[in-house]
Amino acid sequence: MIICQCNVITEQDFESVVVDLLSDAPDQTLTPGRVIRALNARRQCSGCLPALNNMIDGCKKRCGNENCPRKAMQATLQADPNTLEANTLEEGEFV
């Protein structure tokens, strides 16, 4: 779903950046402006700010415990480093 109409940024785009930024330092103060800049975009109408603030709060809560999607991915890769290789397509293969 598109959250930022001005820059055509989806919920997944925002969440991915928020999780990446929080995985580096979970206790940091993360602002919507910083997230938007990390996507190489500029705040225009500010209509996306309430949704982005809610997303930041939700991700902060999840990244502070075992439900963090980043932690789950890291645990999977540590358990089986070939996970990504098994899920990649060979050259010429189609989905």
PDB file of N, CA and C in Angstrom:
ATOM      1  N   MET A   1       0.832  -1.161   0.000  1.00  0.00           N
ATOM      2  CA  MET A   1       0.000   0.000   0.000  1.00  0.00           C
ATOM      3  C   MET A   1       0.893   1.246   0.000  1.00  0.00           C
ATOM      4  N   ILE A   2       0.524   2.234  -0.769  1.00  0.00           N
ATOM      5  CA  ILE A   2       1.285   3.477  -0.842  1.00  0.00           C
ATOM      6  C   ILE A   2       0.944   4.340   0.361  1.00  0.00           C
ATOM      7  N   ILE A   3       1.961   4.717   1.114  1.00  0.00           N
ATOM      8  CA  ILE A   3       1.786   5.563   2.296  1.00  0.00           C
ATOM      9  C   ILE A   3       2.046   7.026   1.935  1.00  0.00           C
ATOM     10  N   CYS A   4       3.086   7.263   1.150  1.00  0.00           N
ATOM     11  CA  CYS A   4       3.436   8.634   0.751  1.00  0.00           C
ATOM     12  C   CYS A   4       3.046   8.832  -0.713  1.00  0.00           C
ATOM     13  N   GLN A   5       1.974   9.567  -0.928  1.00  0.00           N
ATOM     14  CA  GLN A   5       1.491   9.821  -2.287  1.00  0.00           C
ATOM     15  C   GLN A   5       2.450  10.727  -3.062  1.00  0.00           C
ATOM     16  N   CYS A   6       3.054  11.676  -2.375  1.00  0.00           N
ATOM     17  CA  CYS A   6       3.926  12.655  -3.054  1.00  0.00           C
ATOM     18  C   CYS A   6       5.157  11.998  -3.667  1.00  0.00           C
ATOM     19  N   ASN A   7       5.748  11.056  -2.931  1.00  0.00           N
ATOM     20  CA  ASN A   7       6.975  10.403  -3.387  1.00  0.00           C
ATOM     21  C   ASN A   7       6.748   8.971  -3.854  1.00  0.00           C
ATOM     22  N   VAL A   8       5.512   8.510  -3.808  1.00  0.00           N
ATOM     23  CA  VAL A   8       5.124   7.141  -4.160  1.00  0.00           C
ATOM     24  C   VAL A   8       6.011   6.141  -3.414  1.00  0.00           C
ATOM     25  N   ILE A   9       5.889   6.187  -2.077  1.00  0.00           N
ATOM     26  CA  ILE A   9       6.643   5.280  -1.212  1.00  0.00           C
ATOM     27  C   ILE A   9       5.650   4.350  -0.532  1.00  0.00           C
ATOM     28  N   THR A  10       5.932   3.063  -0.617  1.00  0.00           N
ATOM     29  CA  THR A  10       5.024   2.063  -0.062  1.00  0.00           C
ATOM     30  C   THR A  10       5.302   1.807   1.414  1.00  0.00           C
ATOM     31  N   GLU A  11       4.362   1.131   2.030  1.00  0.00           N
ATOM     32  CA  GLU A  11       4.515   0.742   3.431  1.00  0.00           C
ATOM     33  C   GLU A  11       5.745  -0.147   3.604  1.00  0.00           C
ATOM     34  N   GLN A  12       5.970  -1.072   2.657  1.00  0.00           N
ATOM     35  CA  GLN A  12       7.134  -1.957   2.735  1.00  0.00           C
ATOM     36  C   GLN A  12       8.435  -1.177   2.629  1.00  0.00           C
ATOM     37  N   ASP A  13       8.476  -0.149   1.773  1.00  0.00           N
ATOM     38  CA  ASP A  13       9.678   0.679   1.646  1.00  0.00           C
ATOM     39  C   ASP A  13       9.996   1.356   2.974  1.00  0.00           C
ATOM     40  N   PHE A  14       8.961   1.972   3.568  1.00  0.00           N
ATOM     41  CA  PHE A  14       9.153   2.653   4.843  1.00  0.00           C
ATOM     42  C   PHE A  14       9.591   1.673   5.925  1.00  0.00           C
ATOM     43  N   GLU A  15       8.891   0.555   6.025  1.00  0.00           N
ATOM     44  CA  GLU A  15       9.188  -0.396   7.095  1.00  0.00           C
ATOM     45  C   GLU A  15      10.597  -0.968   6.952  1.00  0.00           C
ATOM     46  N   SER A  16      11.011  -1.236   5.738  1.00  0.00           N
ATOM     47  CA  SER A  16      12.354  -1.757   5.506  1.00  0.00           C
ATOM     48  C   SER A  16      13.424  -0.787   6.002  1.00  0.00           C
ATOM     49  N   VAL A  17      13.246   0.500   5.697  1.00  0.00           N
ATOM     50  CA  VAL A  17      14.214   1.507   6.135  1.00  0.00           C
ATOM     51  C   VAL A  17      14.174   1.667   7.647  1.00  0.00           C
ATOM     52  N   VAL A  18      12.982   1.676   8.229  1.00  0.00           N
ATOM     53  CA  VAL A  18      12.857   1.819   9.679  1.00  0.00           C
ATOM     54  C   VAL A  18      13.551   0.657  10.378  1.00  0.00           C
ATOM     55  N   VAL A  19      13.314  -0.566   9.915  1.00  0.00           N
ATOM     56  CA  VAL A  19      13.937  -1.742  10.522  1.00  0.00           C
ATOM     57  C   VAL A  19      15.452  -1.679  10.362  1.00  0.00           C
ATOM     58  N   ASP A  20      15.939  -1.287   9.182  1.00  0.00           N
ATOM     59  CA  ASP A  20      17.384  -1.164   8.979  1.00  0.00           C
ATOM     60  C   ASP A  20      17.999  -0.139   9.924  1.00  0.00           C
ATOM     61  N   LEU A  21      17.374   1.020  10.031  1.00  0.00           N
ATOM     62  CA  LEU A  21      17.903   2.063  10.913  1.00  0.00           C
ATOM     63  C   LEU A  21      17.867   1.625  12.375  1.00  0.00           C
ATOM     64  N   LEU A  22      16.796   0.972  12.786  1.00  0.00           N
ATOM     65  CA  LEU A  22      16.679   0.538  14.169  1.00  0.00           C
ATOM     66  C   LEU A  22      17.585  -0.650  14.485  1.00  0.00           C
ATOM     67  N   SER A  23      17.902  -1.470  13.490  1.00  0.00           N
ATOM     68  CA  SER A  23      18.781  -2.605  13.753  1.00  0.00           C
ATOM     69  C   SER A  23      20.192  -2.125  14.070  1.00  0.00           C
ATOM     70  N   ASP A  24      20.568  -0.958  13.543  1.00  0.00           N
ATOM     71  CA  ASP A  24      21.879  -0.391  13.846  1.00  0.00           C
ATOM     72  C   ASP A  24      21.942   0.126  15.276  1.00  0.00           C
ATOM     73  N   ALA A  25      20.873   0.768  15.737  1.00  0.00           N
ATOM     74  CA  ALA A  25      20.820   1.345  17.085  1.00  0.00           C
ATOM     75  C   ALA A  25      19.361   1.413  17.543  1.00  0.00           C
ATOM     76  N   PRO A  26      18.862   0.357  18.205  1.00  0.00           N
ATOM     77  CA  PRO A  26      17.447   0.294  18.579  1.00  0.00           C
ATOM     78  C   PRO A  26      16.977   1.421  19.503  1.00  0.00           C
ATOM     79  N   ASP A  27      17.879   2.031  20.264  1.00  0.00           N
ATOM     80  CA  ASP A  27      17.480   3.067  21.216  1.00  0.00           C
ATOM     81  C   ASP A  27      17.563   4.478  20.655  1.00  0.00           C
ATOM     82  N   GLN A  28      17.905   4.613  19.389  1.00  0.00           N
ATOM     83  CA  GLN A  28      18.039   5.946  18.805  1.00  0.00           C
ATOM     84  C   GLN A  28      16.688   6.641  18.650  1.00  0.00           C
ATOM     85  N   THR A  29      16.733   7.954  18.571  1.00  0.00           N
ATOM     86  CA  THR A  29      15.537   8.733  18.275  1.00  0.00           C
ATOM     87  C   THR A  29      15.393   8.772  16.769  1.00  0.00           C
ATOM     88  N   LEU A  30      14.341   8.155  16.286  1.00  0.00           N
ATOM     89  CA  LEU A  30      14.124   8.053  14.842  1.00  0.00           C
ATOM     90  C   LEU A  30      12.952   8.944  14.463  1.00  0.00           C
ATOM     91  N   THR A  31      13.196   9.883  13.565  1.00  0.00           N
ATOM     92  CA  THR A  31      12.153  10.821  13.147  1.00  0.00           C
ATOM     93  C   THR A  31      11.669  10.470  11.739  1.00  0.00           C
ATOM     94  N   PRO A  32      10.446  10.859  11.406  1.00  0.00           N
ATOM     95  CA  PRO A  32       9.955  10.631  10.047  1.00  0.00           C
ATOM     96  C   PRO A  32      10.854  11.292   8.995  1.00  0.00           C
ATOM     97  N   GLY A  33      11.382  12.467   9.311  1.00  0.00           N
ATOM     98  CA  GLY A  33      12.266  13.145   8.362  1.00  0.00           C
ATOM     99  C   GLY A  33      13.502  12.333   8.043  1.00  0.00           C
ATOM    100  N   ARG A  34      14.069  11.695   9.054  1.00  0.00           N
ATOM    101  CA  ARG A  34      15.263  10.867   8.828  1.00  0.00           C
ATOM    102  C   ARG A  34      14.937   9.659   7.952  1.00  0.00           C
ATOM    103  N   VAL A  35      13.780   9.068   8.184  1.00  0.00           N
ATOM    104  CA  VAL A  35      13.360   7.915   7.379  1.00  0.00           C
ATOM    105  C   VAL A  35      13.142   8.344   5.926  1.00  0.00           C
ATOM    106  N   ILE A  36      12.486   9.459   5.727  1.00  0.00           N
ATOM    107  CA  ILE A  36      12.218   9.951   4.371  1.00  0.00           C
ATOM    108  C   ILE A  36      13.532  10.288   3.658  1.00  0.00           C
ATOM    109  N   ARG A  37      14.474  10.908   4.374  1.00  0.00           N
ATOM    110  CA  ARG A  37      15.785  11.209   3.772  1.00  0.00           C
ATOM    111  C   ARG A  37      16.543   9.939   3.418  1.00  0.00           C
ATOM    112  N   ALA A  38      16.403   8.897   4.246  1.00  0.00           N
ATOM    113  CA  ALA A  38      17.081   7.626   3.959  1.00  0.00           C
ATOM    114  C   ALA A  38      16.565   6.998   2.667  1.00  0.00           C
ATOM    115  N   LEU A  39      15.354   7.376   2.263  1.00  0.00           N
ATOM    116  CA  LEU A  39      14.783   6.890   1.005  1.00  0.00           C
ATOM    117  C   LEU A  39      15.067   7.849  -0.156  1.00  0.00           C
ATOM    118  N   ASN A  40      15.943   8.825   0.089  1.00  0.00           N
ATOM    119  CA  ASN A  40      16.281   9.836  -0.923  1.00  0.00           C
ATOM    120  C   ASN A  40      15.045  10.573  -1.424  1.00  0.00           C
ATOM    121  N   ALA A  41      14.152  10.870  -0.504  1.00  0.00           N
ATOM    122  CA  ALA A  41      12.925  11.605  -0.838  1.00  0.00           C
ATOM    123  C   ALA A  41      12.878  12.872   0.015  1.00  0.00           C
ATOM    124  N   ARG A  42      11.902  13.715  -0.285  1.00  0.00           N
ATOM    125  CA  ARG A  42      11.714  14.948   0.468  1.00  0.00           C
ATOM    126  C   ARG A  42      10.279  15.022   0.955  1.00  0.00           C
ATOM    127  N   ARG A  43      10.113  15.521   2.180  1.00  0.00           N
ATOM    128  CA  ARG A  43       8.773  15.698   2.730  1.00  0.00           C
ATOM    129  C   ARG A  43       8.094  16.833   1.975  1.00  0.00           C
ATOM    130  N   GLN A  44       6.860  16.590   1.542  1.00  0.00           N
ATOM    131  CA  GLN A  44       6.151  17.605   0.779  1.00  0.00           C
ATOM    132  C   GLN A  44       4.856  17.998   1.482  1.00  0.00           C
ATOM    133  N   CYS A  45       3.816  17.201   1.404  1.00  0.00           N
ATOM    134  CA  CYS A  45       2.530  17.585   1.997  1.00  0.00           C
ATOM    135  C   CYS A  45       2.411  17.156   3.459  1.00  0.00           C
ATOM    136  N   SER A  46       3.271  16.248   3.906  1.00  0.00           N
ATOM    137  CA  SER A  46       3.294  15.719   5.282  1.00  0.00           C
ATOM    138  C   SER A  46       2.086  14.848   5.624  1.00  0.00           C
ATOM    139  N   GLY A  47       1.327  14.421   4.637  1.00  0.00           N
ATOM    140  CA  GLY A  47       0.186  13.547   4.876  1.00  0.00           C
ATOM    141  C   GLY A  47       0.578  12.166   5.372  1.00  0.00           C
ATOM    142  N   CYS A  48       1.802  11.746   5.095  1.00  0.00           N
ATOM    143  CA  CYS A  48       2.260  10.417   5.489  1.00  0.00           C
ATOM    144  C   CYS A  48       2.820  10.380   6.912  1.00  0.00           C
ATOM    145  N   LEU A  49       3.028  11.530   7.528  1.00  0.00           N
ATOM    146  CA  LEU A  49       3.688  11.572   8.832  1.00  0.00           C
ATOM    147  C   LEU A  49       2.958  10.810   9.934  1.00  0.00           C
ATOM    148  N   PRO A  50       1.624  10.899  10.062  1.00  0.00           N
ATOM    149  CA  PRO A  50       0.973  10.107  11.119  1.00  0.00           C
ATOM    150  C   PRO A  50       1.193   8.598  10.942  1.00  0.00           C
ATOM    151  N   ALA A  51       1.054   8.098   9.730  1.00  0.00           N
ATOM    152  CA  ALA A  51       1.264   6.667   9.481  1.00  0.00           C
ATOM    153  C   ALA A  51       2.721   6.292   9.725  1.00  0.00           C
ATOM    154  N   LEU A  52       3.632   7.160   9.330  1.00  0.00           N
ATOM    155  CA  LEU A  52       5.056   6.882   9.518  1.00  0.00           C
ATOM    156  C   LEU A  52       5.414   6.890  11.003  1.00  0.00           C
ATOM    157  N   ASN A  53       4.857   7.817  11.774  1.00  0.00           N
ATOM    158  CA  ASN A  53       5.093   7.828  13.227  1.00  0.00           C
ATOM    159  C   ASN A  53       4.597   6.539  13.873  1.00  0.00           C
ATOM    160  N   ASN A  54       3.414   6.075  13.473  1.00  0.00           N
ATOM    161  CA  ASN A  54       2.882   4.810  14.002  1.00  0.00           C
ATOM    162  C   ASN A  54       3.778   3.638  13.631  1.00  0.00           C
ATOM    163  N   MET A  55       4.292   3.643  12.408  1.00  0.00           N
ATOM    164  CA  MET A  55       5.169   2.568  11.952  1.00  0.00           C
ATOM    165  C   MET A  55       6.469   2.561  12.757  1.00  0.00           C
ATOM    166  N   ILE A  56       7.032   3.725  13.001  1.00  0.00           N
ATOM    167  CA  ILE A  56       8.264   3.825  13.785  1.00  0.00           C
ATOM    168  C   ILE A  56       8.027   3.286  15.194  1.00  0.00           C
ATOM    169  N   ASP A  57       6.917   3.686  15.814  1.00  0.00           N
ATOM    170  CA  ASP A  57       6.601   3.198  17.162  1.00  0.00           C
ATOM    171  C   ASP A  57       6.442   1.684  17.184  1.00  0.00           C
ATOM    172  N   GLY A  58       5.730   1.144  16.205  1.00  0.00           N
ATOM    173  CA  GLY A  58       5.529  -0.305  16.138  1.00  0.00           C
ATOM    174  C   GLY A  58       6.824  -1.055  15.931  1.00  0.00           C
ATOM    175  N   CYS A  59       7.674  -0.543  15.049  1.00  0.00           N
ATOM    176  CA  CYS A  59       8.957  -1.203  14.788  1.00  0.00           C
ATOM    177  C   CYS A  59       9.870  -1.118  16.001  1.00  0.00           C
ATOM    178  N   LYS A  60       9.839   0.016  16.716  1.00  0.00           N
ATOM    179  CA  LYS A  60      10.654   0.146  17.931  1.00  0.00           C
ATOM    180  C   LYS A  60      10.246  -0.900  18.959  1.00  0.00           C
ATOM    181  N   LYS A  61       8.947  -1.134  19.092  1.00  0.00           N
ATOM    182  CA  LYS A  61       8.472  -2.133  20.049  1.00  0.00           C
ATOM    183  C   LYS A  61       8.918  -3.534  19.633  1.00  0.00           C
ATOM    184  N   ARG A  62       8.810  -3.846  18.335  1.00  0.00           N
ATOM    185  CA  ARG A  62       9.201  -5.172  17.853  1.00  0.00           C
ATOM    186  C   ARG A  62      10.702  -5.371  17.879  1.00  0.00           C
ATOM    187  N   CYS A  63      11.469  -4.341  17.532  1.00  0.00           N
ATOM    188  CA  CYS A  63      12.925  -4.495  17.481  1.00  0.00           C
ATOM    189  C   CYS A  63      13.535  -4.541  18.866  1.00  0.00           C
ATOM    190  N   GLY A  64      12.756  -4.235  19.874  1.00  0.00           N
ATOM    191  CA  GLY A  64      13.246  -4.333  21.238  1.00  0.00           C
ATOM    192  C   GLY A  64      13.066  -5.727  21.823  1.00  0.00           C
ATOM    193  N   ASN A  65      12.459  -6.644  21.065  1.00  0.00           N
ATOM    194  CA  ASN A  65      12.246  -7.991  21.584  1.00  0.00           C
ATOM    195  C   ASN A  65      12.460  -9.034  20.491  1.00  0.00           C
ATOM    196  N   GLU A  66      12.058 -10.253  20.774  1.00  0.00           N
ATOM    197  CA  GLU A  66      12.316 -11.368  19.846  1.00  0.00           C
ATOM    198  C   GLU A  66      11.455 -11.337  18.594  1.00  0.00           C
ATOM    199  N   ASN A  67      10.463 -10.467  18.504  1.00  0.00           N
ATOM    200  CA  ASN A  67       9.602 -10.402  17.325  1.00  0.00           C
ATOM    201  C   ASN A  67      10.163  -9.543  16.206  1.00  0.00           C
ATOM    202  N   CYS A  68      11.376  -9.071  16.352  1.00  0.00           N
ATOM    203  CA  CYS A  68      11.994  -8.213  15.341  1.00  0.00           C
ATOM    204  C   CYS A  68      12.241  -9.017  14.068  1.00  0.00           C
ATOM    205  N   PRO A  69      11.725  -8.559  12.914  1.00  0.00           N
ATOM    206  CA  PRO A  69      11.935  -9.300  11.674  1.00  0.00           C
ATOM    207  C   PRO A  69      13.409  -9.400  11.305  1.00  0.00           C
ATOM    208  N   ARG A  70      14.200  -8.386  11.633  1.00  0.00           N
ATOM    209  CA  ARG A  70      15.633  -8.416  11.339  1.00  0.00           C
ATOM    210  C   ARG A  70      16.327  -9.501  12.147  1.00  0.00           C
ATOM    211  N   LYS A  71      15.975  -9.624  13.446  1.00  0.00           N
ATOM    212  CA  LYS A  71      16.560 -10.663  14.291  1.00  0.00           C
ATOM    213  C   LYS A  71      16.187 -12.048  13.794  1.00  0.00           C
ATOM    214  N   ALA A  72      14.950 -12.214  13.344  1.00  0.00           N
ATOM    215  CA  ALA A  72      14.510 -13.512  12.830  1.00  0.00           C
ATOM    216  C   ALA A  72      15.305 -13.892  11.586  1.00  0.00           C
ATOM    217  N   MET A  73      15.541 -12.933  10.695  1.00  0.00           N
ATOM    218  CA  MET A  73      16.323 -13.213   9.481  1.00  0.00           C
ATOM    219  C   MET A  73      17.762 -13.558   9.841  1.00  0.00           C
ATOM    220  N   GLN A  74      18.362 -12.816  10.777  1.00  0.00           N
ATOM    221  CA  GLN A  74      19.734 -13.105  11.179  1.00  0.00           C
ATOM    222  C   GLN A  74      19.842 -14.480  11.813  1.00  0.00           C
ATOM    223  N   ALA A  75      18.867 -14.858  12.632  1.00  0.00           N
ATOM    224  CA  ALA A  75      18.885 -16.179  13.263  1.00  0.00           C
ATOM    225  C   ALA A  75      18.772 -17.281  12.221  1.00  0.00           C
ATOM    226  N   THR A  76      17.930 -17.077  11.216  1.00  0.00           N
ATOM    227  CA  THR A  76      17.776 -18.056  10.139  1.00  0.00           C
ATOM    228  C   THR A  76      19.076 -18.236   9.381  1.00  0.00           C
ATOM    229  N   LEU A  77      19.726 -17.114   9.061  1.00  0.00           N
ATOM    230  CA  LEU A  77      20.972 -17.188   8.302  1.00  0.00           C
ATOM    231  C   LEU A  77      22.095 -17.805   9.120  1.00  0.00           C
ATOM    232  N   GLN A  78      22.120 -17.550  10.426  1.00  0.00           N
ATOM    233  CA  GLN A  78      23.146 -18.162  11.265  1.00  0.00           C
ATOM    234  C   GLN A  78      22.928 -19.661  11.384  1.00  0.00           C
ATOM    235  N   ALA A  79      21.670 -20.085  11.449  1.00  0.00           N
ATOM    236  CA  ALA A  79      21.360 -21.508  11.563  1.00  0.00           C
ATOM    237  C   ALA A  79      21.677 -22.246  10.269  1.00  0.00           C
ATOM    238  N   ASP A  80      21.377 -21.633   9.121  1.00  0.00           N
ATOM    239  CA  ASP A  80      21.612 -22.254   7.824  1.00  0.00           C
ATOM    240  C   ASP A  80      22.070 -21.196   6.830  1.00  0.00           C
ATOM    241  N   PRO A  81      23.392 -20.985   6.692  1.00  0.00           N
ATOM    242  CA  PRO A  81      23.898 -19.933   5.805  1.00  0.00           C
ATOM    243  C   PRO A  81      23.543 -20.151   4.341  1.00  0.00           C
ATOM    244  N   ASN A  82      23.114 -21.349   3.963  1.00  0.00           N
ATOM    245  CA  ASN A  82      22.764 -21.627   2.571  1.00  0.00           C
ATOM    246  C   ASN A  82      21.314 -21.286   2.258  1.00  0.00           C
ATOM    247  N   THR A  83      20.584 -20.735   3.212  1.00  0.00           N
ATOM    248  CA  THR A  83      19.172 -20.413   3.028  1.00  0.00           C
ATOM    249  C   THR A  83      18.957 -19.511   1.828  1.00  0.00           C
ATOM    250  N   LEU A  84      19.737 -18.448   1.727  1.00  0.00           N
ATOM    251  CA  LEU A  84      19.570 -17.522   0.613  1.00  0.00           C
ATOM    252  C   LEU A  84      19.930 -18.181  -0.710  1.00  0.00           C
ATOM    253  N   GLU A  85      20.979 -18.988  -0.703  1.00  0.00           N
ATOM    254  CA  GLU A  85      21.380 -19.653  -1.937  1.00  0.00           C
ATOM    255  C   GLU A  85      20.314 -20.624  -2.417  1.00  0.00           C
ATOM    256  N   ALA A  86      19.630 -21.280  -1.496  1.00  0.00           N
ATOM    257  CA  ALA A  86      18.598 -22.252  -1.866  1.00  0.00           C
ATOM    258  C   ALA A  86      17.380 -21.578  -2.473  1.00  0.00           C
ATOM    259  N   ASN A  87      17.171 -20.308  -2.126  1.00  0.00           N
ATOM    260  CA  ASN A  87      15.991 -19.606  -2.603  1.00  0.00           C
ATOM    261  C   ASN A  87      16.247 -18.728  -3.812  1.00  0.00           C
ATOM    262  N   THR A  88      17.451 -18.744  -4.342  1.00  0.00           N
ATOM    263  CA  THR A  88      17.742 -17.912  -5.503  1.00  0.00           C
ATOM    264  C   THR A  88      17.500 -18.719  -6.777  1.00  0.00           C
ATOM    265  N   LEU A  89      17.173 -18.022  -7.831  1.00  0.00           N
ATOM    266  CA  LEU A  89      16.920 -18.678  -9.103  1.00  0.00           C
ATOM    267  C   LEU A  89      18.211 -18.831  -9.895  1.00  0.00           C
ATOM    268  N   GLU A  90      18.285 -19.910 -10.615  1.00  0.00           N
ATOM    269  CA  GLU A  90      19.416 -20.114 -11.513  1.00  0.00           C
ATOM    270  C   GLU A  90      19.207 -19.259 -12.749  1.00  0.00           C
ATOM    271  N   GLU A  91      20.278 -18.991 -13.470  1.00  0.00           N
ATOM    272  CA  GLU A  91      20.180 -18.191 -14.678  1.00  0.00           C
ATOM    273  C   GLU A  91      19.236 -18.857 -15.681  1.00  0.00           C
ATOM    274  N   GLY A  92      18.299 -18.095 -16.189  1.00  0.00           N
ATOM    275  CA  GLY A  92      17.328 -18.612 -17.159  1.00  0.00           C
ATOM    276  C   GLY A  92      16.092 -19.215 -16.530  1.00  0.00           C
ATOM    277  N   GLU A  93      16.051 -19.336 -15.196  1.00  0.00           N
ATOM    278  CA  GLU A  93      14.911 -19.909 -14.502  1.00  0.00           C
ATOM    279  C   GLU A  93      13.848 -18.828 -14.300  1.00  0.00           C
ATOM    280  N   PHE A  94      12.595 -19.192 -14.406  1.00  0.00           N
ATOM    281  CA  PHE A  94      11.503 -18.238 -14.239  1.00  0.00           C
ATOM    282  C   PHE A  94      10.609 -18.659 -13.099  1.00  0.00           C
ATOM    283  N   VAL A  95       9.952 -17.677 -12.489  1.00  0.00           N
ATOM    284  CA  VAL A  95       9.036 -17.970 -11.387  1.00  0.00           C
ATOM    285  C   VAL A  95       7.662 -18.225 -11.956  1.00  0.00           C
TER     286      VAL A  95
END
